[in-house]
């Protein structure tokens, strides 16, 4: 069974996609940019600020569908500038701690050129 989910209190999608899709035992979370869910606007800043906001959005979505960051098995990190790797990594580690998922990090261009980071993830959906 596939469920397309949009929990309350998370950023509103900017296009035709779901914030989270549950398929079997896994949750696929769409790429999250630095959107402040309180204002539903992009909150640009240095890579640490943006990474913190992105990770908080991932956390909100996962918790809204009955999961958590501890259940994440894979992340994909996209950086506008590879030189921002260390700053992103520092904040990312604050959120994932000992629960280190597999990860890929790539440098890319965004459709919003001022944006510095986007992260998506796949999490295991714990049985209740």
PDB file of N, CA and C in Angstrom:
ATOM      1  N   UNK A   1       0.838  -1.181   0.000  1.00  0.00           N
ATOM      2  CA  UNK A   1       0.000   0.000   0.000  1.00  0.00           C
ATOM      3  C   UNK A   1       0.888   1.251   0.000  1.00  0.00           C
ATOM      4  N   UNK A   2       0.496   2.219  -0.769  1.00  0.00           N
ATOM      5  CA  UNK A   2       1.223   3.485  -0.844  1.00  0.00           C
ATOM      6  C   UNK A   2       0.340   4.585  -0.269  1.00  0.00           C
ATOM      7  N   UNK A   3       0.918   5.378   0.640  1.00  0.00           N
ATOM      8  CA  UNK A   3       0.214   6.513   1.234  1.00  0.00           C
ATOM      9  C   UNK A   3       0.992   7.782   0.928  1.00  0.00           C
ATOM     10  N   UNK A   4       0.319   8.790   0.422  1.00  0.00           N
ATOM     11  CA  UNK A   4       0.927  10.091   0.187  1.00  0.00           C
ATOM     12  C   UNK A   4       0.494  11.000   1.335  1.00  0.00           C
ATOM     13  N   UNK A   5       1.500  11.511   2.081  1.00  0.00           N
ATOM     14  CA  UNK A   5       1.195  12.195   3.327  1.00  0.00           C
ATOM     15  C   UNK A   5       1.727  13.624   3.362  1.00  0.00           C
ATOM     16  N   UNK A   6       0.953  14.480   3.986  1.00  0.00           N
ATOM     17  CA  UNK A   6       1.357  15.866   4.213  1.00  0.00           C
ATOM     18  C   UNK A   6       0.954  16.232   5.638  1.00  0.00           C
ATOM     19  N   UNK A   7       1.828  15.906   6.616  1.00  0.00           N
ATOM     20  CA  UNK A   7       1.468  16.169   8.013  1.00  0.00           C
ATOM     21  C   UNK A   7       1.316  17.660   8.285  1.00  0.00           C
ATOM     22  N   UNK A   8       0.513  18.020   9.287  1.00  0.00           N
ATOM     23  CA  UNK A   8       0.356  19.439   9.629  1.00  0.00           C
ATOM     24  C   UNK A   8       1.654  20.030  10.167  1.00  0.00           C
ATOM     25  N   UNK A   9       1.845  21.331   9.913  1.00  0.00           N
ATOM     26  CA  UNK A   9       2.999  22.042  10.456  1.00  0.00           C
ATOM     27  C   UNK A   9       4.277  21.902   9.657  1.00  0.00           C
ATOM     28  N   UNK A  10       4.179  21.332   8.446  1.00  0.00           N
ATOM     29  CA  UNK A  10       5.373  21.200   7.607  1.00  0.00           C
ATOM     30  C   UNK A  10       5.256  22.154   6.415  1.00  0.00           C
ATOM     31  N   UNK A  11       6.391  22.477   5.780  1.00  0.00           N
ATOM     32  CA  UNK A  11       6.323  23.384   4.634  1.00  0.00           C
ATOM     33  C   UNK A  11       5.382  22.866   3.538  1.00  0.00           C
ATOM     34  N   UNK A  12       4.674  23.783   2.944  1.00  0.00           N
ATOM     35  CA  UNK A  12       3.769  23.443   1.841  1.00  0.00           C
ATOM     36  C   UNK A  12       4.607  23.180   0.601  1.00  0.00           C
ATOM     37  N   UNK A  13       4.376  22.055  -0.089  1.00  0.00           N
ATOM     38  CA  UNK A  13       5.151  21.765  -1.299  1.00  0.00           C
ATOM     39  C   UNK A  13       5.067  22.893  -2.319  1.00  0.00           C
ATOM     40  N   UNK A  14       6.183  23.126  -2.996  1.00  0.00           N
ATOM     41  CA  UNK A  14       6.283  24.179  -4.005  1.00  0.00           C
ATOM     42  C   UNK A  14       5.975  23.659  -5.408  1.00  0.00           C
ATOM     43  N   UNK A  15       5.566  22.410  -5.496  1.00  0.00           N
ATOM     44  CA  UNK A  15       5.274  21.807  -6.790  1.00  0.00           C
ATOM     45  C   UNK A  15       4.387  20.593  -6.610  1.00  0.00           C
ATOM     46  N   UNK A  16       4.221  19.822  -7.684  1.00  0.00           N
ATOM     47  CA  UNK A  16       3.333  18.659  -7.644  1.00  0.00           C
ATOM     48  C   UNK A  16       4.018  17.431  -7.027  1.00  0.00           C
ATOM     49  N   UNK A  17       4.201  17.461  -5.712  1.00  0.00           N
ATOM     50  CA  UNK A  17       4.793  16.324  -5.001  1.00  0.00           C
ATOM     51  C   UNK A  17       4.254  16.277  -3.580  1.00  0.00           C
ATOM     52  N   UNK A  18       4.440  15.150  -2.935  1.00  0.00           N
ATOM     53  CA  UNK A  18       4.027  14.957  -1.545  1.00  0.00           C
ATOM     54  C   UNK A  18       5.232  15.128  -0.638  1.00  0.00           C
ATOM     55  N   UNK A  19       5.069  15.714   0.548  1.00  0.00           N
ATOM     56  CA  UNK A  19       6.188  15.821   1.476  1.00  0.00           C
ATOM     57  C   UNK A  19       6.738  14.450   1.870  1.00  0.00           C
ATOM     58  N   UNK A  20       5.842  13.471   2.007  1.00  0.00           N
ATOM     59  CA  UNK A  20       6.273  12.118   2.370  1.00  0.00           C
ATOM     60  C   UNK A  20       5.383  11.106   1.663  1.00  0.00           C
ATOM     61  N   UNK A  21       6.009   9.996   1.274  1.00  0.00           N
ATOM     62  CA  UNK A  21       5.275   8.889   0.691  1.00  0.00           C
ATOM     63  C   UNK A  21       5.690   7.632   1.446  1.00  0.00           C
ATOM     64  N   UNK A  22       4.702   6.945   2.002  1.00  0.00           N
ATOM     65  CA  UNK A  22       4.970   5.680   2.682  1.00  0.00           C
ATOM     66  C   UNK A  22       4.661   4.560   1.708  1.00  0.00           C
ATOM     67  N   UNK A  23       5.629   3.678   1.554  1.00  0.00           N
ATOM     68  CA  UNK A  23       5.471   2.512   0.686  1.00  0.00           C
ATOM     69  C   UNK A  23       5.972   1.307   1.470  1.00  0.00           C
ATOM     70  N   UNK A  24       5.048   0.451   1.855  1.00  0.00           N
ATOM     71  CA  UNK A  24       5.429  -0.700   2.665  1.00  0.00           C
ATOM     72  C   UNK A  24       6.020  -0.237   3.980  1.00  0.00           C
ATOM     73  N   UNK A  25       7.232  -0.711   4.269  1.00  0.00           N
ATOM     74  CA  UNK A  25       7.887  -0.391   5.537  1.00  0.00           C
ATOM     75  C   UNK A  25       8.774   0.850   5.462  1.00  0.00           C
ATOM     76  N   UNK A  26       8.702   1.597   4.358  1.00  0.00           N
ATOM     77  CA  UNK A  26       9.609   2.733   4.190  1.00  0.00           C
ATOM     78  C   UNK A  26       8.871   4.040   3.938  1.00  0.00           C
ATOM     79  N   UNK A  27       9.501   5.117   4.385  1.00  0.00           N
ATOM     80  CA  UNK A  27       8.987   6.471   4.186  1.00  0.00           C
ATOM     81  C   UNK A  27      10.006   7.216   3.331  1.00  0.00           C
ATOM     82  N   UNK A  28       9.555   7.774   2.244  1.00  0.00           N
ATOM     83  CA  UNK A  28      10.405   8.561   1.352  1.00  0.00           C
ATOM     84  C   UNK A  28      10.032  10.026   1.550  1.00  0.00           C
ATOM     85  N   UNK A  29      10.973  10.813   2.041  1.00  0.00           N
ATOM     86  CA  UNK A  29      10.707  12.229   2.311  1.00  0.00           C
ATOM     87  C   UNK A  29      11.303  13.056   1.172  1.00  0.00           C
ATOM     88  N   UNK A  30      10.473  13.915   0.598  1.00  0.00           N
ATOM     89  CA  UNK A  30      10.899  14.781  -0.500  1.00  0.00           C
ATOM     90  C   UNK A  30      12.014  15.711  -0.038  1.00  0.00           C
ATOM     91  N   UNK A  31      12.826  16.146  -0.979  1.00  0.00           N
ATOM     92  CA  UNK A  31      13.889  17.090  -0.680  1.00  0.00           C
ATOM     93  C   UNK A  31      13.344  18.321   0.025  1.00  0.00           C
ATOM     94  N   UNK A  32      13.993  18.687   1.117  1.00  0.00           N
ATOM     95  CA  UNK A  32      13.571  19.845   1.902  1.00  0.00           C
ATOM     96  C   UNK A  32      14.592  20.960   1.753  1.00  0.00           C
ATOM     97  N   UNK A  33      14.090  22.127   1.436  1.00  0.00           N
ATOM     98  CA  UNK A  33      14.924  23.319   1.377  1.00  0.00           C
ATOM     99  C   UNK A  33      14.735  24.122   2.657  1.00  0.00           C
ATOM    100  N   UNK A  34      15.379  25.268   2.751  1.00  0.00           N
ATOM    101  CA  UNK A  34      15.312  26.081   3.971  1.00  0.00           C
ATOM    102  C   UNK A  34      14.023  26.907   4.059  1.00  0.00           C
ATOM    103  N   UNK A  35      12.905  26.202   4.192  1.00  0.00           N
ATOM    104  CA  UNK A  35      11.605  26.867   4.305  1.00  0.00           C
ATOM    105  C   UNK A  35      11.228  26.951   5.779  1.00  0.00           C
ATOM    106  N   UNK A  36      10.869  28.125   6.220  1.00  0.00           N
ATOM    107  CA  UNK A  36      10.383  28.312   7.588  1.00  0.00           C
ATOM    108  C   UNK A  36       8.897  27.965   7.578  1.00  0.00           C
ATOM    109  N   UNK A  37       8.492  26.862   8.227  1.00  0.00           N
ATOM    110  CA  UNK A  37       7.083  26.466   8.160  1.00  0.00           C
ATOM    111  C   UNK A  37       6.138  27.454   8.842  1.00  0.00           C
ATOM    112  N   UNK A  38       6.632  28.259   9.750  1.00  0.00           N
ATOM    113  CA  UNK A  38       5.779  29.245  10.432  1.00  0.00           C
ATOM    114  C   UNK A  38       5.323  30.335   9.471  1.00  0.00           C
ATOM    115  N   UNK A  39       6.192  30.709   8.538  1.00  0.00           N
ATOM    116  CA  UNK A  39       5.856  31.763   7.579  1.00  0.00           C
ATOM    117  C   UNK A  39       5.643  31.230   6.172  1.00  0.00           C
ATOM    118  N   UNK A  40       5.999  29.969   5.961  1.00  0.00           N
ATOM    119  CA  UNK A  40       5.961  29.318   4.649  1.00  0.00           C
ATOM    120  C   UNK A  40       6.780  30.088   3.610  1.00  0.00           C
ATOM    121  N   UNK A  41       7.896  30.655   4.057  1.00  0.00           N
ATOM    122  CA  UNK A  41       8.801  31.352   3.146  1.00  0.00           C
ATOM    123  C   UNK A  41      10.212  30.813   3.317  1.00  0.00           C
ATOM    124  N   UNK A  42      11.011  30.987   2.283  1.00  0.00           N
ATOM    125  CA  UNK A  42      12.393  30.553   2.332  1.00  0.00           C
ATOM    126  C   UNK A  42      13.164  31.451   3.288  1.00  0.00           C
ATOM    127  N   UNK A  43      13.983  30.836   4.132  1.00  0.00           N
ATOM    128  CA  UNK A  43      14.799  31.575   5.093  1.00  0.00           C
ATOM    129  C   UNK A  43      16.266  31.333   4.734  1.00  0.00           C
ATOM    130  N   UNK A  44      16.777  32.212   3.901  1.00  0.00           N
ATOM    131  CA  UNK A  44      18.150  32.062   3.429  1.00  0.00           C
ATOM    132  C   UNK A  44      19.132  32.599   4.463  1.00  0.00           C
ATOM    133  N   UNK A  45      20.319  32.035   4.463  1.00  0.00           N
ATOM    134  CA  UNK A  45      21.371  32.459   5.377  1.00  0.00           C
ATOM    135  C   UNK A  45      22.621  31.678   5.066  1.00  0.00           C
ATOM    136  N   UNK A  46      23.510  31.535   6.036  1.00  0.00           N
ATOM    137  CA  UNK A  46      24.700  30.730   5.777  1.00  0.00           C
ATOM    138  C   UNK A  46      24.291  29.250   5.764  1.00  0.00           C
ATOM    139  N   UNK A  47      25.207  28.388   5.355  1.00  0.00           N
ATOM    140  CA  UNK A  47      24.861  26.974   5.192  1.00  0.00           C
ATOM    141  C   UNK A  47      24.457  26.318   6.514  1.00  0.00           C
ATOM    142  N   UNK A  48      24.995  26.778   7.631  1.00  0.00           N
ATOM    143  CA  UNK A  48      24.604  26.206   8.919  1.00  0.00           C
ATOM    144  C   UNK A  48      23.148  26.541   9.241  1.00  0.00           C
ATOM    145  N   UNK A  49      22.759  27.784   9.035  1.00  0.00           N
ATOM    146  CA  UNK A  49      21.369  28.199   9.260  1.00  0.00           C
ATOM    147  C   UNK A  49      20.424  27.379   8.374  1.00  0.00           C
ATOM    148  N   UNK A  50      20.757  27.277   7.093  1.00  0.00           N
ATOM    149  CA  UNK A  50      19.886  26.564   6.164  1.00  0.00           C
ATOM    150  C   UNK A  50      19.835  25.073   6.486  1.00  0.00           C
ATOM    151  N   UNK A  51      20.967  24.472   6.829  1.00  0.00           N
ATOM    152  CA  UNK A  51      20.989  23.045   7.160  1.00  0.00           C
ATOM    153  C   UNK A  51      20.149  22.767   8.401  1.00  0.00           C
ATOM    154  N   UNK A  52      20.225  23.626   9.395  1.00  0.00           N
ATOM    155  CA  UNK A  52      19.426  23.461  10.615  1.00  0.00           C
ATOM    156  C   UNK A  52      17.931  23.473  10.283  1.00  0.00           C
ATOM    157  N   UNK A  53      17.519  24.419   9.460  1.00  0.00           N
ATOM    158  CA  UNK A  53      16.108  24.521   9.078  1.00  0.00           C
ATOM    159  C   UNK A  53      15.682  23.303   8.263  1.00  0.00           C
ATOM    160  N   UNK A  54      16.526  22.870   7.339  1.00  0.00           N
ATOM    161  CA  UNK A  54      16.229  21.695   6.521  1.00  0.00           C
ATOM    162  C   UNK A  54      16.076  20.452   7.408  1.00  0.00           C
ATOM    163  N   UNK A  55      17.000  20.251   8.338  1.00  0.00           N
ATOM    164  CA  UNK A  55      16.931  19.080   9.228  1.00  0.00           C
ATOM    165  C   UNK A  55      15.710  19.146  10.141  1.00  0.00           C
ATOM    166  N   UNK A  56      15.349  20.327  10.592  1.00  0.00           N
ATOM    167  CA  UNK A  56      14.135  20.476  11.403  1.00  0.00           C
ATOM    168  C   UNK A  56      12.903  20.104  10.586  1.00  0.00           C
ATOM    169  N   UNK A  57      12.894  20.478   9.302  1.00  0.00           N
ATOM    170  CA  UNK A  57      11.765  20.133   8.440  1.00  0.00           C
ATOM    171  C   UNK A  57      11.690  18.621   8.217  1.00  0.00           C
ATOM    172  N   UNK A  58      12.836  17.984   7.996  1.00  0.00           N
ATOM    173  CA  UNK A  58      12.846  16.523   7.865  1.00  0.00           C
ATOM    174  C   UNK A  58      12.292  15.885   9.139  1.00  0.00           C
ATOM    175  N   UNK A  59      12.745  16.379  10.279  1.00  0.00           N
ATOM    176  CA  UNK A  59      12.320  15.851  11.567  1.00  0.00           C
ATOM    177  C   UNK A  59      10.805  16.008  11.752  1.00  0.00           C
ATOM    178  N   UNK A  60      10.264  17.177  11.423  1.00  0.00           N
ATOM    179  CA  UNK A  60       8.815  17.423  11.552  1.00  0.00           C
ATOM    180  C   UNK A  60       8.016  16.464  10.678  1.00  0.00           C
ATOM    181  N   UNK A  61       8.464  16.300   9.446  1.00  0.00           N
ATOM    182  CA  UNK A  61       7.751  15.418   8.519  1.00  0.00           C
ATOM    183  C   UNK A  61       7.774  13.987   9.051  1.00  0.00           C
ATOM    184  N   UNK A  62       8.955  13.499   9.427  1.00  0.00           N
ATOM    185  CA  UNK A  62       9.061  12.128   9.921  1.00  0.00           C
ATOM    186  C   UNK A  62       8.211  11.914  11.173  1.00  0.00           C
ATOM    187  N   UNK A  63       8.288  12.835  12.114  1.00  0.00           N
ATOM    188  CA  UNK A  63       7.483  12.700  13.327  1.00  0.00           C
ATOM    189  C   UNK A  63       5.995  12.771  13.016  1.00  0.00           C
ATOM    190  N   UNK A  64       5.636  13.564  12.006  1.00  0.00           N
ATOM    191  CA  UNK A  64       4.234  13.688  11.606  1.00  0.00           C
ATOM    192  C   UNK A  64       3.662  12.433  10.976  1.00  0.00           C
ATOM    193  N   UNK A  65       4.536  11.524  10.537  1.00  0.00           N
ATOM    194  CA  UNK A  65       4.069  10.268   9.939  1.00  0.00           C
ATOM    195  C   UNK A  65       4.450   9.062  10.797  1.00  0.00           C
ATOM    196  N   UNK A  66       4.832   9.316  12.061  1.00  0.00           N
ATOM    197  CA  UNK A  66       5.091   8.226  12.990  1.00  0.00           C
ATOM    198  C   UNK A  66       6.486   7.639  12.942  1.00  0.00           C
ATOM    199  N   UNK A  67       7.454   8.436  12.541  1.00  0.00           N
ATOM    200  CA  UNK A  67       8.836   7.973  12.464  1.00  0.00           C
ATOM    201  C   UNK A  67       9.733   8.989  13.156  1.00  0.00           C
ATOM    202  N   UNK A  68      11.043   8.879  12.940  1.00  0.00           N
ATOM    203  CA  UNK A  68      11.972   9.843  13.535  1.00  0.00           C
ATOM    204  C   UNK A  68      13.282   9.835  12.756  1.00  0.00           C
ATOM    205  N   UNK A  69      14.140  10.772  13.078  1.00  0.00           N
ATOM    206  CA  UNK A  69      15.460  10.810  12.448  1.00  0.00           C
ATOM    207  C   UNK A  69      16.260   9.547  12.755  1.00  0.00           C
ATOM    208  N   UNK A  70      16.015   8.915  13.895  1.00  0.00           N
ATOM    209  CA  UNK A  70      16.716   7.676  14.254  1.00  0.00           C
ATOM    210  C   UNK A  70      16.353   6.530  13.317  1.00  0.00           C
ATOM    211  N   UNK A  71      15.232   6.653  12.588  1.00  0.00           N
ATOM    212  CA  UNK A  71      14.787   5.615  11.669  1.00  0.00           C
ATOM    213  C   UNK A  71      15.285   5.836  10.238  1.00  0.00           C
ATOM    214  N   UNK A  72      16.002   6.935   9.999  1.00  0.00           N
ATOM    215  CA  UNK A  72      16.476   7.244   8.643  1.00  0.00           C
ATOM    216  C   UNK A  72      17.581   6.267   8.257  1.00  0.00           C
ATOM    217  N   UNK A  73      17.433   5.690   7.066  1.00  0.00           N
ATOM    218  CA  UNK A  73      18.445   4.752   6.567  1.00  0.00           C
ATOM    219  C   UNK A  73      19.326   5.364   5.483  1.00  0.00           C
ATOM    220  N   UNK A  74      18.832   6.428   4.809  1.00  0.00           N
ATOM    221  CA  UNK A  74      19.597   7.030   3.712  1.00  0.00           C
ATOM    222  C   UNK A  74      19.215   8.479   3.542  1.00  0.00           C
ATOM    223  N   UNK A  75      20.220   9.343   3.383  1.00  0.00           N
ATOM    224  CA  UNK A  75      20.008  10.759   3.058  1.00  0.00           C
ATOM    225  C   UNK A  75      20.760  11.089   1.786  1.00  0.00           C
ATOM    226  N   UNK A  76      20.218  12.011   1.039  1.00  0.00           N
ATOM    227  CA  UNK A  76      20.931  12.625  -0.080  1.00  0.00           C
ATOM    228  C   UNK A  76      21.012  14.108   0.231  1.00  0.00           C
ATOM    229  N   UNK A  77      22.227  14.636   0.220  1.00  0.00           N
ATOM    230  CA  UNK A  77      22.470  16.044   0.527  1.00  0.00           C
ATOM    231  C   UNK A  77      22.930  16.725  -0.749  1.00  0.00           C
ATOM    232  N   UNK A  78      22.330  17.849  -1.048  1.00  0.00           N
ATOM    233  CA  UNK A  78      22.681  18.632  -2.227  1.00  0.00           C
ATOM    234  C   UNK A  78      23.162  19.998  -1.758  1.00  0.00           C
ATOM    235  N   UNK A  79      24.363  20.370  -2.184  1.00  0.00           N
ATOM    236  CA  UNK A  79      24.967  21.654  -1.807  1.00  0.00           C
ATOM    237  C   UNK A  79      25.203  22.499  -3.045  1.00  0.00           C
ATOM    238  N   UNK A  80      24.899  23.781  -2.956  1.00  0.00           N
ATOM    239  CA  UNK A  80      25.182  24.693  -4.063  1.00  0.00           C
ATOM    240  C   UNK A  80      26.687  24.887  -4.226  1.00  0.00           C
ATOM    241  N   UNK A  81      27.433  24.754  -3.136  1.00  0.00           N
ATOM    242  CA  UNK A  81      28.879  24.959  -3.150  1.00  0.00           C
ATOM    243  C   UNK A  81      29.534  23.877  -2.294  1.00  0.00           C
ATOM    244  N   UNK A  82      30.362  23.049  -2.912  1.00  0.00           N
ATOM    245  CA  UNK A  82      31.042  21.989  -2.185  1.00  0.00           C
ATOM    246  C   UNK A  82      31.879  22.498  -1.030  1.00  0.00           C
ATOM    247  N   UNK A  83      32.284  23.752  -1.079  1.00  0.00           N
ATOM    248  CA  UNK A  83      33.076  24.335   0.010  1.00  0.00           C
ATOM    249  C   UNK A  83      32.254  24.454   1.298  1.00  0.00           C
ATOM    250  N   UNK A  84      30.929  24.327   1.203  1.00  0.00           N
ATOM    251  CA  UNK A  84      30.060  24.392   2.380  1.00  0.00           C
ATOM    252  C   UNK A  84      29.916  23.044   3.084  1.00  0.00           C
ATOM    253  N   UNK A  85      30.627  22.024   2.612  1.00  0.00           N
ATOM    254  CA  UNK A  85      30.484  20.673   3.163  1.00  0.00           C
ATOM    255  C   UNK A  85      30.691  20.636   4.677  1.00  0.00           C
ATOM    256  N   UNK A  86      31.762  21.236   5.162  1.00  0.00           N
ATOM    257  CA  UNK A  86      32.079  21.139   6.590  1.00  0.00           C
ATOM    258  C   UNK A  86      31.028  21.817   7.467  1.00  0.00           C
ATOM    259  N   UNK A  87      30.525  22.974   7.052  1.00  0.00           N
ATOM    260  CA  UNK A  87      29.480  23.656   7.814  1.00  0.00           C
ATOM    261  C   UNK A  87      28.196  22.853   7.842  1.00  0.00           C
ATOM    262  N   UNK A  88      27.808  22.307   6.679  1.00  0.00           N
ATOM    263  CA  UNK A  88      26.614  21.464   6.611  1.00  0.00           C
ATOM    264  C   UNK A  88      26.806  20.240   7.497  1.00  0.00           C
ATOM    265  N   UNK A  89      27.968  19.602   7.392  1.00  0.00           N
ATOM    266  CA  UNK A  89      28.242  18.364   8.112  1.00  0.00           C
ATOM    267  C   UNK A  89      28.179  18.571   9.631  1.00  0.00           C
ATOM    268  N   UNK A  90      28.639  19.712  10.089  1.00  0.00           N
ATOM    269  CA  UNK A  90      28.621  20.025  11.522  1.00  0.00           C
ATOM    270  C   UNK A  90      27.186  20.043  12.064  1.00  0.00           C
ATOM    271  N   UNK A  91      26.297  20.735  11.350  1.00  0.00           N
ATOM    272  CA  UNK A  91      24.902  20.818  11.792  1.00  0.00           C
ATOM    273  C   UNK A  91      24.191  19.483  11.583  1.00  0.00           C
ATOM    274  N   UNK A  92      24.427  18.834  10.461  1.00  0.00           N
ATOM    275  CA  UNK A  92      23.840  17.528  10.165  1.00  0.00           C
ATOM    276  C   UNK A  92      24.135  16.549  11.313  1.00  0.00           C
ATOM    277  N   UNK A  93      25.386  16.538  11.803  1.00  0.00           N
ATOM    278  CA  UNK A  93      25.795  15.642  12.893  1.00  0.00           C
ATOM    279  C   UNK A  93      25.024  15.938  14.181  1.00  0.00           C
ATOM    280  N   UNK A  94      24.646  17.193  14.417  1.00  0.00           N
ATOM    281  CA  UNK A  94      23.851  17.537  15.598  1.00  0.00           C
ATOM    282  C   UNK A  94      22.501  16.819  15.579  1.00  0.00           C
ATOM    283  N   UNK A  95      21.940  16.632  14.391  1.00  0.00           N
ATOM    284  CA  UNK A  95      20.620  16.019  14.261  1.00  0.00           C
ATOM    285  C   UNK A  95      20.676  14.498  14.236  1.00  0.00           C
ATOM    286  N   UNK A  96      21.710  13.941  13.624  1.00  0.00           N
ATOM    287  CA  UNK A  96      21.758  12.487  13.468  1.00  0.00           C
ATOM    288  C   UNK A  96      22.615  11.794  14.519  1.00  0.00           C
ATOM    289  N   UNK A  97      23.543  12.507  15.164  1.00  0.00           N
ATOM    290  CA  UNK A  97      24.328  11.936  16.262  1.00  0.00           C
ATOM    291  C   UNK A  97      24.852  10.555  15.961  1.00  0.00           C
ATOM    292  N   UNK A  98      24.566   9.610  16.854  1.00  0.00           N
ATOM    293  CA  UNK A  98      25.043   8.231  16.701  1.00  0.00           C
ATOM    294  C   UNK A  98      24.236   7.462  15.660  1.00  0.00           C
ATOM    295  N   UNK A  99      23.053   7.956  15.312  1.00  0.00           N
ATOM    296  CA  UNK A  99      22.188   7.288  14.328  1.00  0.00           C
ATOM    297  C   UNK A  99      22.561   7.744  12.927  1.00  0.00           C
ATOM    298  N   UNK A 100      23.717   7.307  12.464  1.00  0.00           N
ATOM    299  CA  UNK A 100      24.241   7.786  11.185  1.00  0.00           C
ATOM    300  C   UNK A 100      23.667   6.973  10.018  1.00  0.00           C
ATOM    301  N   UNK A 101      22.814   7.590   9.198  1.00  0.00           N
ATOM    302  CA  UNK A 101      22.309   6.877   8.026  1.00  0.00           C
ATOM    303  C   UNK A 101      23.370   6.856   6.917  1.00  0.00           C
ATOM    304  N   UNK A 102      23.175   6.007   5.943  1.00  0.00           N
ATOM    305  CA  UNK A 102      23.989   6.077   4.730  1.00  0.00           C
ATOM    306  C   UNK A 102      23.721   7.444   4.100  1.00  0.00           C
ATOM    307  N   UNK A 103      24.705   7.980   3.368  1.00  0.00           N
ATOM    308  CA  UNK A 103      24.515   9.329   2.830  1.00  0.00           C
ATOM    309  C   UNK A 103      25.317   9.522   1.551  1.00  0.00           C
ATOM    310  N   UNK A 104      24.756  10.324   0.673  1.00  0.00           N
ATOM    311  CA  UNK A 104      25.437  10.809  -0.524  1.00  0.00           C
ATOM    312  C   UNK A 104      25.384  12.323  -0.467  1.00  0.00           C
ATOM    313  N   UNK A 105      26.494  12.981  -0.789  1.00  0.00           N
ATOM    314  CA  UNK A 105      26.522  14.443  -0.829  1.00  0.00           C
ATOM    315  C   UNK A 105      27.071  14.866  -2.177  1.00  0.00           C
ATOM    316  N   UNK A 106      26.347  15.741  -2.853  1.00  0.00           N
ATOM    317  CA  UNK A 106      26.777  16.226  -4.161  1.00  0.00           C
ATOM    318  C   UNK A 106      26.654  17.746  -4.236  1.00  0.00           C
ATOM    319  N   UNK A 107      27.498  18.344  -5.047  1.00  0.00           N
ATOM    320  CA  UNK A 107      27.379  19.775  -5.341  1.00  0.00           C
ATOM    321  C   UNK A 107      26.529  19.904  -6.605  1.00  0.00           C
ATOM    322  N   UNK A 108      25.655  20.908  -6.618  1.00  0.00           N
ATOM    323  CA  UNK A 108      24.715  21.055  -7.735  1.00  0.00           C
ATOM    324  C   UNK A 108      24.282  22.513  -7.864  1.00  0.00           C
ATOM    325  N   UNK A 109      23.424  22.764  -8.819  1.00  0.00           N
ATOM    326  CA  UNK A 109      22.778  24.071  -8.960  1.00  0.00           C
ATOM    327  C   UNK A 109      21.317  23.915  -8.602  1.00  0.00           C
ATOM    328  N   UNK A 110      20.775  24.921  -7.935  1.00  0.00           N
ATOM    329  CA  UNK A 110      19.359  24.914  -7.566  1.00  0.00           C
ATOM    330  C   UNK A 110      18.575  25.859  -8.466  1.00  0.00           C
ATOM    331  N   UNK A 111      17.263  25.610  -8.549  1.00  0.00           N
ATOM    332  CA  UNK A 111      16.410  26.523  -9.317  1.00  0.00           C
ATOM    333  C   UNK A 111      16.294  27.875  -8.619  1.00  0.00           C
ATOM    334  N   UNK A 112      16.515  27.887  -7.301  1.00  0.00           N
ATOM    335  CA  UNK A 112      16.611  29.137  -6.536  1.00  0.00           C
ATOM    336  C   UNK A 112      18.108  29.329  -6.270  1.00  0.00           C
ATOM    337  N   UNK A 113      18.787  30.165  -7.047  1.00  0.00           N
ATOM    338  CA  UNK A 113      20.246  30.251  -6.965  1.00  0.00           C
ATOM    339  C   UNK A 113      20.811  30.629  -5.595  1.00  0.00           C
ATOM    340  N   UNK A 114      20.028  31.320  -4.755  1.00  0.00           N
ATOM    341  CA  UNK A 114      20.515  31.743  -3.448  1.00  0.00           C
ATOM    342  C   UNK A 114      20.503  30.605  -2.411  1.00  0.00           C
ATOM    343  N   UNK A 115      19.763  29.557  -2.690  1.00  0.00           N
ATOM    344  CA  UNK A 115      19.646  28.430  -1.770  1.00  0.00           C
ATOM    345  C   UNK A 115      20.971  27.681  -1.688  1.00  0.00           C
ATOM    346  N   UNK A 116      21.328  27.229  -0.487  1.00  0.00           N
ATOM    347  CA  UNK A 116      22.623  26.576  -0.284  1.00  0.00           C
ATOM    348  C   UNK A 116      22.533  25.069  -0.077  1.00  0.00           C
ATOM    349  N   UNK A 117      21.398  24.562   0.427  1.00  0.00           N
ATOM    350  CA  UNK A 117      21.325  23.134   0.766  1.00  0.00           C
ATOM    351  C   UNK A 117      19.899  22.602   0.634  1.00  0.00           C
ATOM    352  N   UNK A 118      19.819  21.347   0.233  1.00  0.00           N
ATOM    353  CA  UNK A 118      18.563  20.598   0.197  1.00  0.00           C
ATOM    354  C   UNK A 118      18.908  19.167   0.613  1.00  0.00           C
ATOM    355  N   UNK A 119      18.023  18.544   1.386  1.00  0.00           N
ATOM    356  CA  UNK A 119      18.253  17.169   1.832  1.00  0.00           C
ATOM    357  C   UNK A 119      16.951  16.390   1.700  1.00  0.00           C
ATOM    358  N   UNK A 120      17.058  15.162   1.166  1.00  0.00           N
ATOM    359  CA  UNK A 120      15.930  14.236   1.193  1.00  0.00           C
ATOM    360  C   UNK A 120      16.358  13.004   1.969  1.00  0.00           C
ATOM    361  N   UNK A 121      15.400  12.143   2.302  1.00  0.00           N
ATOM    362  CA  UNK A 121      15.773  10.941   3.056  1.00  0.00           C
ATOM    363  C   UNK A 121      14.775   9.818   2.858  1.00  0.00           C
ATOM    364  N   UNK A 122      15.231   8.629   3.214  1.00  0.00           N
ATOM    365  CA  UNK A 122      14.394   7.431   3.268  1.00  0.00           C
ATOM    366  C   UNK A 122      14.509   6.891   4.682  1.00  0.00           C
ATOM    367  N   UNK A 123      13.364   6.609   5.292  1.00  0.00           N
ATOM    368  CA  UNK A 123      13.357   6.096   6.672  1.00  0.00           C
ATOM    369  C   UNK A 123      12.587   4.786   6.727  1.00  0.00           C
ATOM    370  N   UNK A 124      12.959   3.954   7.665  1.00  0.00           N
ATOM    371  CA  UNK A 124      12.231   2.739   7.956  1.00  0.00           C
ATOM    372  C   UNK A 124      11.030   3.115   8.812  1.00  0.00           C
ATOM    373  N   UNK A 125       9.888   2.570   8.503  1.00  0.00           N
ATOM    374  CA  UNK A 125       8.679   2.879   9.287  1.00  0.00           C
ATOM    375  C   UNK A 125       8.523   1.817  10.376  1.00  0.00           C
ATOM    376  N   UNK A 126       8.759   2.210  11.620  1.00  0.00           N
ATOM    377  CA  UNK A 126       8.683   1.228  12.699  1.00  0.00           C
ATOM    378  C   UNK A 126       7.273   0.643  12.830  1.00  0.00           C
ATOM    379  N   UNK A 127       7.211  -0.605  13.192  1.00  0.00           N
ATOM    380  CA  UNK A 127       5.917  -1.272  13.415  1.00  0.00           C
ATOM    381  C   UNK A 127       5.345  -0.791  14.745  1.00  0.00           C
ATOM    382  N   UNK A 128       4.058  -0.540  14.757  1.00  0.00           N
ATOM    383  CA  UNK A 128       3.405  -0.115  16.004  1.00  0.00           C
ATOM    384  C   UNK A 128       2.508  -1.193  16.540  1.00  0.00           C
TER     385      UNK A 128
END
